[in-house]
Amino acid sequence: MYSSLQSIITTGQQIYGAQWQSQFAAVFKNMSYFGSFCQAVATSLQLDLSVILSGLNLNLDIFARIGLHLGTILDLGSSGGLLGGVLGRGGQNGGLIGGLLA
């Protein structure tokens, strides 16, 4: 889902250029509700969504440019998350790298 959305955003920005921000960005910003929903489901299933998303090689800057801050929406900073996990700063859980090295 997120990798498809990344492709749509990238292609849309290339094709529509200046119109993208004013006409489409707000629509995609509404996806923040879906991000919160995904985090709630993952938490209830005791899944680390940040580890799953790290395998998708998402470019968080692409999402941030349209106002969709995945790190905030998915709470990727509180337990190391995507960036902290990859860099080994995963807090209590050790994140992705810390988990592999433990």
PDB file of N, CA and C in Angstrom:
ATOM      1  N   MET A   1       0.822  -1.188   0.000  1.00  0.00           N
ATOM      2  CA  MET A   1       0.000   0.000   0.000  1.00  0.00           C
ATOM      3  C   MET A   1       0.873   1.262   0.000  1.00  0.00           C
ATOM      4  N   TYR A   2       1.835   1.322   0.922  1.00  0.00           N
ATOM      5  CA  TYR A   2       2.671   2.525   1.016  1.00  0.00           C
ATOM      6  C   TYR A   2       3.614   2.657  -0.172  1.00  0.00           C
ATOM      7  N   SER A   3       4.140   1.545  -0.674  1.00  0.00           N
ATOM      8  CA  SER A   3       5.021   1.652  -1.839  1.00  0.00           C
ATOM      9  C   SER A   3       4.233   2.054  -3.079  1.00  0.00           C
ATOM     10  N   SER A   4       2.985   1.595  -3.194  1.00  0.00           N
ATOM     11  CA  SER A   4       2.135   2.031  -4.316  1.00  0.00           C
ATOM     12  C   SER A   4       1.825   3.515  -4.200  1.00  0.00           C
ATOM     13  N   LEU A   5       1.525   3.962  -2.999  1.00  0.00           N
ATOM     14  CA  LEU A   5       1.240   5.374  -2.777  1.00  0.00           C
ATOM     15  C   LEU A   5       2.466   6.226  -3.111  1.00  0.00           C
ATOM     16  N   GLN A   6       3.645   5.734  -2.755  1.00  0.00           N
ATOM     17  CA  GLN A   6       4.873   6.455  -3.080  1.00  0.00           C
ATOM     18  C   GLN A   6       5.021   6.598  -4.595  1.00  0.00           C
ATOM     19  N   SER A   7       4.734   5.549  -5.336  1.00  0.00           N
ATOM     20  CA  SER A   7       4.815   5.606  -6.804  1.00  0.00           C
ATOM     21  C   SER A   7       3.802   6.581  -7.384  1.00  0.00           C
ATOM     22  N   ILE A   8       2.597   6.579  -6.835  1.00  0.00           N
ATOM     23  CA  ILE A   8       1.552   7.498  -7.300  1.00  0.00           C
ATOM     24  C   ILE A   8       1.962   8.944  -7.054  1.00  0.00           C
ATOM     25  N   ILE A   9       2.484   9.225  -5.870  1.00  0.00           N
ATOM     26  CA  ILE A   9       2.900  10.589  -5.530  1.00  0.00           C
ATOM     27  C   ILE A   9       4.029  11.040  -6.448  1.00  0.00           C
ATOM     28  N   THR A  10       5.031  10.195  -6.625  1.00  0.00           N
ATOM     29  CA  THR A  10       6.173  10.547  -7.472  1.00  0.00           C
ATOM     30  C   THR A  10       5.735  10.811  -8.906  1.00  0.00           C
ATOM     31  N   THR A  11       4.931   9.922  -9.456  1.00  0.00           N
ATOM     32  CA  THR A  11       4.451  10.079 -10.833  1.00  0.00           C
ATOM     33  C   THR A  11       3.552  11.302 -10.959  1.00  0.00           C
ATOM     34  N   GLY A  12       2.669  11.492  -9.999  1.00  0.00           N
ATOM     35  CA  GLY A  12       1.769  12.648 -10.024  1.00  0.00           C
ATOM     36  C   GLY A  12       2.512  13.967 -10.000  1.00  0.00           C
ATOM     37  N   GLN A  13       3.552  14.047  -9.176  1.00  0.00           N
ATOM     38  CA  GLN A  13       4.342  15.276  -9.104  1.00  0.00           C
ATOM     39  C   GLN A  13       5.066  15.540 -10.417  1.00  0.00           C
ATOM     40  N   GLN A  14       5.526  14.486 -11.062  1.00  0.00           N
ATOM     41  CA  GLN A  14       6.226  14.649 -12.339  1.00  0.00           C
ATOM     42  C   GLN A  14       5.268  15.085 -13.446  1.00  0.00           C
ATOM     43  N   ILE A  15       4.093  14.499 -13.497  1.00  0.00           N
ATOM     44  CA  ILE A  15       3.147  14.780 -14.580  1.00  0.00           C
ATOM     45  C   ILE A  15       2.427  16.109 -14.384  1.00  0.00           C
ATOM     46  N   TYR A  16       1.970  16.367 -13.154  1.00  0.00           N
ATOM     47  CA  TYR A  16       1.138  17.542 -12.911  1.00  0.00           C
ATOM     48  C   TYR A  16       1.907  18.755 -12.405  1.00  0.00           C
ATOM     49  N   GLY A  17       3.150  18.572 -12.014  1.00  0.00           N
ATOM     50  CA  GLY A  17       4.009  19.685 -11.616  1.00  0.00           C
ATOM     51  C   GLY A  17       3.379  20.648 -10.634  1.00  0.00           C
ATOM     52  N   ALA A  18       3.201  21.884 -11.062  1.00  0.00           N
ATOM     53  CA  ALA A  18       2.713  22.964 -10.195  1.00  0.00           C
ATOM     54  C   ALA A  18       1.297  22.719  -9.691  1.00  0.00           C
ATOM     55  N   GLN A  19       0.490  22.035 -10.447  1.00  0.00           N
ATOM     56  CA  GLN A  19      -0.892  21.766 -10.032  1.00  0.00           C
ATOM     57  C   GLN A  19      -0.960  20.743  -8.907  1.00  0.00           C
ATOM     58  N   TRP A  20       0.074  19.959  -8.771  1.00  0.00           N
ATOM     59  CA  TRP A  20       0.046  18.856  -7.809  1.00  0.00           C
ATOM     60  C   TRP A  20      -0.270  19.333  -6.400  1.00  0.00           C
ATOM     61  N   GLN A  21       0.493  20.304  -5.924  1.00  0.00           N
ATOM     62  CA  GLN A  21       0.342  20.759  -4.544  1.00  0.00           C
ATOM     63  C   GLN A  21      -1.045  21.337  -4.287  1.00  0.00           C
ATOM     64  N   SER A  22      -1.533  22.158  -5.195  1.00  0.00           N
ATOM     65  CA  SER A  22      -2.809  22.828  -4.948  1.00  0.00           C
ATOM     66  C   SER A  22      -4.021  21.923  -5.150  1.00  0.00           C
ATOM     67  N   GLN A  23      -3.930  20.939  -6.024  1.00  0.00           N
ATOM     68  CA  GLN A  23      -5.114  20.144  -6.346  1.00  0.00           C
ATOM     69  C   GLN A  23      -5.126  18.742  -5.748  1.00  0.00           C
ATOM     70  N   PHE A  24      -3.960  18.138  -5.561  1.00  0.00           N
ATOM     71  CA  PHE A  24      -3.953  16.741  -5.148  1.00  0.00           C
ATOM     72  C   PHE A  24      -3.361  16.470  -3.774  1.00  0.00           C
ATOM     73  N   ALA A  25      -2.458  17.300  -3.323  1.00  0.00           N
ATOM     74  CA  ALA A  25      -1.753  17.036  -2.068  1.00  0.00           C
ATOM     75  C   ALA A  25      -2.711  16.881  -0.890  1.00  0.00           C
ATOM     76  N   ALA A  26      -3.742  17.702  -0.824  1.00  0.00           N
ATOM     77  CA  ALA A  26      -4.694  17.623   0.291  1.00  0.00           C
ATOM     78  C   ALA A  26      -5.420  16.285   0.318  1.00  0.00           C
ATOM     79  N   VAL A  27      -5.696  15.749  -0.846  1.00  0.00           N
ATOM     80  CA  VAL A  27      -6.373  14.454  -0.923  1.00  0.00           C
ATOM     81  C   VAL A  27      -5.486  13.369  -0.327  1.00  0.00           C
ATOM     82  N   PHE A  28      -4.211  13.378  -0.687  1.00  0.00           N
ATOM     83  CA  PHE A  28      -3.304  12.360  -0.171  1.00  0.00           C
ATOM     84  C   PHE A  28      -2.979  12.579   1.304  1.00  0.00           C
ATOM     85  N   LYS A  29      -3.072  13.806   1.759  1.00  0.00           N
ATOM     86  CA  LYS A  29      -2.833  14.072   3.182  1.00  0.00           C
ATOM     87  C   LYS A  29      -3.882  13.364   4.039  1.00  0.00           C
ATOM     88  N   ASN A  30      -5.071  13.160   3.494  1.00  0.00           N
ATOM     89  CA  ASN A  30      -6.114  12.433   4.218  1.00  0.00           C
ATOM     90  C   ASN A  30      -5.712  10.992   4.515  1.00  0.00           C
ATOM     91  N   MET A  31      -4.679  10.512   3.859  1.00  0.00           N
ATOM     92  CA  MET A  31      -4.190   9.162   4.115  1.00  0.00           C
ATOM     93  C   MET A  31      -3.619   9.030   5.523  1.00  0.00           C
ATOM     94  N   SER A  32      -3.421  10.144   6.215  1.00  0.00           N
ATOM     95  CA  SER A  32      -2.894  10.076   7.574  1.00  0.00           C
ATOM     96  C   SER A  32      -3.818   9.268   8.481  1.00  0.00           C
ATOM     97  N   TYR A  33      -5.111   9.297   8.200  1.00  0.00           N
ATOM     98  CA  TYR A  33      -6.051   8.500   8.988  1.00  0.00           C
ATOM     99  C   TYR A  33      -5.796   7.012   8.780  1.00  0.00           C
ATOM    100  N   PHE A  34      -5.466   6.645   7.551  1.00  0.00           N
ATOM    101  CA  PHE A  34      -5.153   5.250   7.270  1.00  0.00           C
ATOM    102  C   PHE A  34      -3.873   4.834   7.987  1.00  0.00           C
ATOM    103  N   GLY A  35      -2.899   5.725   8.035  1.00  0.00           N
ATOM    104  CA  GLY A  35      -1.658   5.435   8.744  1.00  0.00           C
ATOM    105  C   GLY A  35      -1.902   5.184  10.223  1.00  0.00           C
ATOM    106  N   SER A  36      -2.751   5.993  10.826  1.00  0.00           N
ATOM    107  CA  SER A  36      -3.089   5.808  12.241  1.00  0.00           C
ATOM    108  C   SER A  36      -3.822   4.491  12.456  1.00  0.00           C
ATOM    109  N   PHE A  37      -4.708   4.159  11.525  1.00  0.00           N
ATOM    110  CA  PHE A  37      -5.442   2.895  11.591  1.00  0.00           C
ATOM    111  C   PHE A  37      -4.477   1.709  11.512  1.00  0.00           C
ATOM    112  N   CYS A  38      -3.543   1.772  10.572  1.00  0.00           N
ATOM    113  CA  CYS A  38      -2.553   0.691  10.423  1.00  0.00           C
ATOM    114  C   CYS A  38      -1.741   0.514  11.699  1.00  0.00           C
ATOM    115  N   GLN A  39      -1.348   1.630  12.305  1.00  0.00           N
ATOM    116  CA  GLN A  39      -0.570   1.555  13.538  1.00  0.00           C
ATOM    117  C   GLN A  39      -1.391   0.925  14.652  1.00  0.00           C
ATOM    118  N   ALA A  40      -2.663   1.285  14.764  1.00  0.00           N
ATOM    119  CA  ALA A  40      -3.524   0.724  15.807  1.00  0.00           C
ATOM    120  C   ALA A  40      -3.695  -0.784  15.627  1.00  0.00           C
ATOM    121  N   VAL A  41      -3.906  -1.217  14.398  1.00  0.00           N
ATOM    122  CA  VAL A  41      -4.056  -2.649  14.119  1.00  0.00           C
ATOM    123  C   VAL A  41      -2.758  -3.384  14.437  1.00  0.00           C
ATOM    124  N   ALA A  42      -1.637  -2.845  13.988  1.00  0.00           N
ATOM    125  CA  ALA A  42      -0.341  -3.483  14.236  1.00  0.00           C
ATOM    126  C   ALA A  42      -0.056  -3.582  15.729  1.00  0.00           C
ATOM    127  N   THR A  43      -0.371  -2.532  16.460  1.00  0.00           N
ATOM    128  CA  THR A  43      -0.152  -2.539  17.906  1.00  0.00           C
ATOM    129  C   THR A  43      -1.002  -3.607  18.579  1.00  0.00           C
ATOM    130  N   SER A  44      -2.260  -3.712  18.178  1.00  0.00           N
ATOM    131  CA  SER A  44      -3.134  -4.712  18.796  1.00  0.00           C
ATOM    132  C   SER A  44      -2.686  -6.134  18.471  1.00  0.00           C
ATOM    133  N   LEU A  45      -2.036  -6.313  17.331  1.00  0.00           N
ATOM    134  CA  LEU A  45      -1.512  -7.630  16.954  1.00  0.00           C
ATOM    135  C   LEU A  45      -0.074  -7.837  17.430  1.00  0.00           C
ATOM    136  N   GLN A  46       0.449  -6.844  18.156  1.00  0.00           N
ATOM    137  CA  GLN A  46       1.816  -6.852  18.669  1.00  0.00           C
ATOM    138  C   GLN A  46       2.842  -6.997  17.543  1.00  0.00           C
ATOM    139  N   LEU A  47       2.602  -6.269  16.446  1.00  0.00           N
ATOM    140  CA  LEU A  47       3.527  -6.225  15.319  1.00  0.00           C
ATOM    141  C   LEU A  47       4.252  -4.892  15.327  1.00  0.00           C
ATOM    142  N   ASP A  48       5.516  -4.909  14.979  1.00  0.00           N
ATOM    143  CA  ASP A  48       6.284  -3.673  14.867  1.00  0.00           C
ATOM    144  C   ASP A  48       6.179  -3.188  13.428  1.00  0.00           C
ATOM    145  N   LEU A  49       5.250  -2.281  13.196  1.00  0.00           N
ATOM    146  CA  LEU A  49       4.993  -1.778  11.854  1.00  0.00           C
ATOM    147  C   LEU A  49       6.220  -1.101  11.267  1.00  0.00           C
ATOM    148  N   SER A  50       7.043  -0.505  12.100  1.00  0.00           N
ATOM    149  CA  SER A  50       8.246   0.161  11.596  1.00  0.00           C
ATOM    150  C   SER A  50       9.198  -0.826  10.935  1.00  0.00           C
ATOM    151  N   VAL A  51       9.284  -2.040  11.461  1.00  0.00           N
ATOM    152  CA  VAL A  51      10.145  -3.061  10.858  1.00  0.00           C
ATOM    153  C   VAL A  51       9.588  -3.473   9.500  1.00  0.00           C
ATOM    154  N   ILE A  52       8.283  -3.625   9.423  1.00  0.00           N
ATOM    155  CA  ILE A  52       7.646  -3.988   8.154  1.00  0.00           C
ATOM    156  C   ILE A  52       7.882  -2.897   7.120  1.00  0.00           C
ATOM    157  N   LEU A  53       7.680  -1.655   7.516  1.00  0.00           N
ATOM    158  CA  LEU A  53       7.854  -0.544   6.579  1.00  0.00           C
ATOM    159  C   LEU A  53       9.308  -0.348   6.172  1.00  0.00           C
ATOM    160  N   SER A  54      10.236  -0.669   7.049  1.00  0.00           N
ATOM    161  CA  SER A  54      11.647  -0.489   6.697  1.00  0.00           C
ATOM    162  C   SER A  54      12.048  -1.385   5.535  1.00  0.00           C
ATOM    163  N   GLY A  55      11.390  -2.514   5.385  1.00  0.00           N
ATOM    164  CA  GLY A  55      11.677  -3.412   4.275  1.00  0.00           C
ATOM    165  C   GLY A  55      11.152  -2.916   2.942  1.00  0.00           C
ATOM    166  N   LEU A  56      10.328  -1.881   2.962  1.00  0.00           N
ATOM    167  CA  LEU A  56       9.746  -1.351   1.726  1.00  0.00           C
ATOM    168  C   LEU A  56      10.621  -0.297   1.066  1.00  0.00           C
ATOM    169  N   ASN A  57      11.684   0.128   1.746  1.00  0.00           N
ATOM    170  CA  ASN A  57      12.578   1.167   1.217  1.00  0.00           C
ATOM    171  C   ASN A  57      11.820   2.424   0.812  1.00  0.00           C
ATOM    172  N   LEU A  58      10.968   2.885   1.703  1.00  0.00           N
ATOM    173  CA  LEU A  58      10.197   4.097   1.434  1.00  0.00           C
ATOM    174  C   LEU A  58      11.072   5.330   1.575  1.00  0.00           C
ATOM    175  N   ASN A  59      10.794   6.317   0.770  1.00  0.00           N
ATOM    176  CA  ASN A  59      11.453   7.614   0.876  1.00  0.00           C
ATOM    177  C   ASN A  59      10.502   8.521   1.657  1.00  0.00           C
ATOM    178  N   LEU A  60      10.770   8.691   2.941  1.00  0.00           N
ATOM    179  CA  LEU A  60       9.870   9.459   3.800  1.00  0.00           C
ATOM    180  C   LEU A  60       9.749  10.912   3.365  1.00  0.00           C
ATOM    181  N   ASP A  61      10.766  11.438   2.678  1.00  0.00           N
ATOM    182  CA  ASP A  61      10.717  12.820   2.194  1.00  0.00           C
ATOM    183  C   ASP A  61       9.614  13.019   1.159  1.00  0.00           C
ATOM    184  N   ILE A  62       9.380  12.016   0.320  1.00  0.00           N
ATOM    185  CA  ILE A  62       8.314  12.114  -0.686  1.00  0.00           C
ATOM    186  C   ILE A  62       6.975  12.323  -0.004  1.00  0.00           C
ATOM    187  N   PHE A  63       6.735  11.580   1.057  1.00  0.00           N
ATOM    188  CA  PHE A  63       5.480  11.705   1.792  1.00  0.00           C
ATOM    189  C   PHE A  63       5.418  13.034   2.543  1.00  0.00           C
ATOM    190  N   ALA A  64       6.533  13.443   3.126  1.00  0.00           N
ATOM    191  CA  ALA A  64       6.568  14.686   3.899  1.00  0.00           C
ATOM    192  C   ALA A  64       6.289  15.905   3.027  1.00  0.00           C
ATOM    193  N   ARG A  65       6.720  15.867   1.765  1.00  0.00           N
ATOM    194  CA  ARG A  65       6.497  17.007   0.869  1.00  0.00           C
ATOM    195  C   ARG A  65       5.020  17.279   0.611  1.00  0.00           C
ATOM    196  N   ILE A  66       4.177  16.280   0.794  1.00  0.00           N
ATOM    197  CA  ILE A  66       2.735  16.521   0.624  1.00  0.00           C
ATOM    198  C   ILE A  66       2.039  16.613   1.980  1.00  0.00           C
ATOM    199  N   GLY A  67       2.828  16.715   3.040  1.00  0.00           N
ATOM    200  CA  GLY A  67       2.263  16.884   4.371  1.00  0.00           C
ATOM    201  C   GLY A  67       1.898  15.590   5.061  1.00  0.00           C
ATOM    202  N   LEU A  68       2.345  14.477   4.538  1.00  0.00           N
ATOM    203  CA  LEU A  68       2.059  13.176   5.128  1.00  0.00           C
ATOM    204  C   LEU A  68       3.330  12.688   5.822  1.00  0.00           C
ATOM    205  N   HIS A  69       3.417  12.938   7.112  1.00  0.00           N
ATOM    206  CA  HIS A  69       4.618  12.627   7.885  1.00  0.00           C
ATOM    207  C   HIS A  69       4.457  11.246   8.520  1.00  0.00           C
ATOM    208  N   LEU A  70       4.943  10.235   7.823  1.00  0.00           N
ATOM    209  CA  LEU A  70       4.769   8.857   8.276  1.00  0.00           C
ATOM    210  C   LEU A  70       5.391   8.608   9.637  1.00  0.00           C
ATOM    211  N   GLY A  71       6.516   9.237   9.909  1.00  0.00           N
ATOM    212  CA  GLY A  71       7.152   9.050  11.205  1.00  0.00           C
ATOM    213  C   GLY A  71       6.255   9.462  12.357  1.00  0.00           C
ATOM    214  N   THR A  72       5.512  10.530  12.172  1.00  0.00           N
ATOM    215  CA  THR A  72       4.598  11.014  13.200  1.00  0.00           C
ATOM    216  C   THR A  72       3.320  10.194  13.231  1.00  0.00           C
ATOM    217  N   ILE A  73       2.751   9.959  12.065  1.00  0.00           N
ATOM    218  CA  ILE A  73       1.484   9.233  11.979  1.00  0.00           C
ATOM    219  C   ILE A  73       1.618   7.828  12.542  1.00  0.00           C
ATOM    220  N   LEU A  74       2.687   7.164  12.193  1.00  0.00           N
ATOM    221  CA  LEU A  74       2.884   5.788  12.626  1.00  0.00           C
ATOM    222  C   LEU A  74       3.661   5.696  13.924  1.00  0.00           C
ATOM    223  N   ASP A  75       3.953   6.847  14.525  1.00  0.00           N
ATOM    224  CA  ASP A  75       4.661   6.900  15.799  1.00  0.00           C
ATOM    225  C   ASP A  75       5.975   6.131  15.713  1.00  0.00           C
ATOM    226  N   LEU A  76       6.726   6.379  14.642  1.00  0.00           N
ATOM    227  CA  LEU A  76       7.952   5.634  14.409  1.00  0.00           C
ATOM    228  C   LEU A  76       9.096   6.075  15.301  1.00  0.00           C
ATOM    229  N   GLY A  77       8.923   7.099  16.086  1.00  0.00           N
ATOM    230  CA  GLY A  77      10.011   7.542  16.932  1.00  0.00           C
ATOM    231  C   GLY A  77       9.959   6.999  18.342  1.00  0.00           C
ATOM    232  N   SER A  78       8.816   6.562  18.823  1.00  0.00           N
ATOM    233  CA  SER A  78       8.680   6.223  20.234  1.00  0.00           C
ATOM    234  C   SER A  78       9.376   4.932  20.626  1.00  0.00           C
ATOM    235  N   SER A  79       9.493   3.973  19.719  1.00  0.00           N
ATOM    236  CA  SER A  79      10.170   2.723  20.079  1.00  0.00           C
ATOM    237  C   SER A  79      11.322   2.455  19.132  1.00  0.00           C
ATOM    238  N   GLY A  80      11.963   3.530  18.704  1.00  0.00           N
ATOM    239  CA  GLY A  80      13.058   3.371  17.761  1.00  0.00           C
ATOM    240  C   GLY A  80      12.558   3.538  16.354  1.00  0.00           C
ATOM    241  N   GLY A  81      11.516   2.850  16.024  1.00  0.00           N
ATOM    242  CA  GLY A  81      10.854   3.003  14.754  1.00  0.00           C
ATOM    243  C   GLY A  81      11.714   2.742  13.550  1.00  0.00           C
ATOM    244  N   LEU A  82      11.248   3.224  12.438  1.00  0.00           N
ATOM    245  CA  LEU A  82      11.877   2.972  11.153  1.00  0.00           C
ATOM    246  C   LEU A  82      13.304   3.500  11.118  1.00  0.00           C
ATOM    247  N   LEU A  83      13.480   4.774  11.359  1.00  0.00           N
ATOM    248  CA  LEU A  83      14.819   5.351  11.266  1.00  0.00           C
ATOM    249  C   LEU A  83      15.698   4.913  12.420  1.00  0.00           C
ATOM    250  N   GLY A  84      15.160   4.945  13.617  1.00  0.00           N
ATOM    251  CA  GLY A  84      15.951   4.531  14.770  1.00  0.00           C
ATOM    252  C   GLY A  84      16.331   3.067  14.701  1.00  0.00           C
ATOM    253  N   GLY A  85      15.423   2.238  14.231  1.00  0.00           N
ATOM    254  CA  GLY A  85      15.704   0.814  14.114  1.00  0.00           C
ATOM    255  C   GLY A  85      16.782   0.525  13.098  1.00  0.00           C
ATOM    256  N   VAL A  86      16.698   1.153  11.954  1.00  0.00           N
ATOM    257  CA  VAL A  86      17.686   0.922  10.905  1.00  0.00           C
ATOM    258  C   VAL A  86      19.053   1.408  11.348  1.00  0.00           C
ATOM    259  N   LEU A  87      19.084   2.506  12.076  1.00  0.00           N
ATOM    260  CA  LEU A  87      20.355   3.062  12.519  1.00  0.00           C
ATOM    261  C   LEU A  87      20.849   2.446  13.821  1.00  0.00           C
ATOM    262  N   GLY A  88      20.075   1.539  14.389  1.00  0.00           N
ATOM    263  CA  GLY A  88      20.497   0.874  15.611  1.00  0.00           C
ATOM    264  C   GLY A  88      20.198   1.658  16.863  1.00  0.00           C
ATOM    265  N   ARG A  89      19.360   2.687  16.762  1.00  0.00           N
ATOM    266  CA  ARG A  89      19.005   3.485  17.937  1.00  0.00           C
ATOM    267  C   ARG A  89      17.596   3.126  18.371  1.00  0.00           C
ATOM    268  N   GLY A  90      17.296   1.883  18.426  1.00  0.00           N
ATOM    269  CA  GLY A  90      15.933   1.428  18.617  1.00  0.00           C
ATOM    270  C   GLY A  90      15.415   1.440  20.027  1.00  0.00           C
ATOM    271  N   GLY A  91      16.002   2.208  20.899  1.00  0.00           N
ATOM    272  CA  GLY A  91      15.462   2.322  22.247  1.00  0.00           C
ATOM    273  C   GLY A  91      15.427   0.986  22.970  1.00  0.00           C
ATOM    274  N   GLN A  92      14.352   0.736  23.685  1.00  0.00           N
ATOM    275  CA  GLN A  92      14.232  -0.438  24.518  1.00  0.00           C
ATOM    276  C   GLN A  92      14.242  -1.732  23.702  1.00  0.00           C
ATOM    277  N   ASN A  93      13.582  -1.724  22.557  1.00  0.00           N
ATOM    278  CA  ASN A  93      13.495  -2.926  21.740  1.00  0.00           C
ATOM    279  C   ASN A  93      14.743  -3.174  20.915  1.00  0.00           C
ATOM    280  N   GLY A  94      15.606  -2.178  20.799  1.00  0.00           N
ATOM    281  CA  GLY A  94      16.789  -2.344  19.993  1.00  0.00           C
ATOM    282  C   GLY A  94      16.548  -2.146  18.512  1.00  0.00           C
ATOM    283  N   GLY A  95      15.326  -1.979  18.121  1.00  0.00           N
ATOM    284  CA  GLY A  95      15.001  -1.737  16.726  1.00  0.00           C
ATOM    285  C   GLY A  95      15.398  -2.895  15.830  1.00  0.00           C
ATOM    286  N   LEU A  96      15.461  -2.647  14.555  1.00  0.00           N
ATOM    287  CA  LEU A  96      15.767  -3.673  13.568  1.00  0.00           C
ATOM    288  C   LEU A  96      17.175  -4.225  13.751  1.00  0.00           C
ATOM    289  N   ILE A  97      18.168  -3.359  13.766  1.00  0.00           N
ATOM    290  CA  ILE A  97      19.559  -3.794  13.889  1.00  0.00           C
ATOM    291  C   ILE A  97      19.809  -4.364  15.282  1.00  0.00           C
ATOM    292  N   GLY A  98      19.303  -3.674  16.297  1.00  0.00           N
ATOM    293  CA  GLY A  98      19.496  -4.156  17.658  1.00  0.00           C
ATOM    294  C   GLY A  98      18.882  -5.529  17.866  1.00  0.00           C
ATOM    295  N   GLY A  99      17.717  -5.755  17.264  1.00  0.00           N
ATOM    296  CA  GLY A  99      17.068  -7.057  17.364  1.00  0.00           C
ATOM    297  C   GLY A  99      17.869  -8.152  16.685  1.00  0.00           C
ATOM    298  N   LEU A 100      18.503  -7.821  15.577  1.00  0.00           N
ATOM    299  CA  LEU A 100      19.309  -8.803  14.856  1.00  0.00           C
ATOM    300  C   LEU A 100      20.596  -9.135  15.593  1.00  0.00           C
ATOM    301  N   LEU A 101      21.130  -8.154  16.313  1.00  0.00           N
ATOM    302  CA  LEU A 101      22.405  -8.347  16.999  1.00  0.00           C
ATOM    303  C   LEU A 101      22.252  -8.928  18.393  1.00  0.00           C
ATOM    304  N   ALA A 102      21.039  -8.904  18.927  1.00  0.00           N
ATOM    305  CA  ALA A 102      20.821  -9.361  20.305  1.00  0.00           C
ATOM    306  C   ALA A 102      20.934 -10.866  20.435  1.00  0.00           C
TER     307      ALA A 102
END
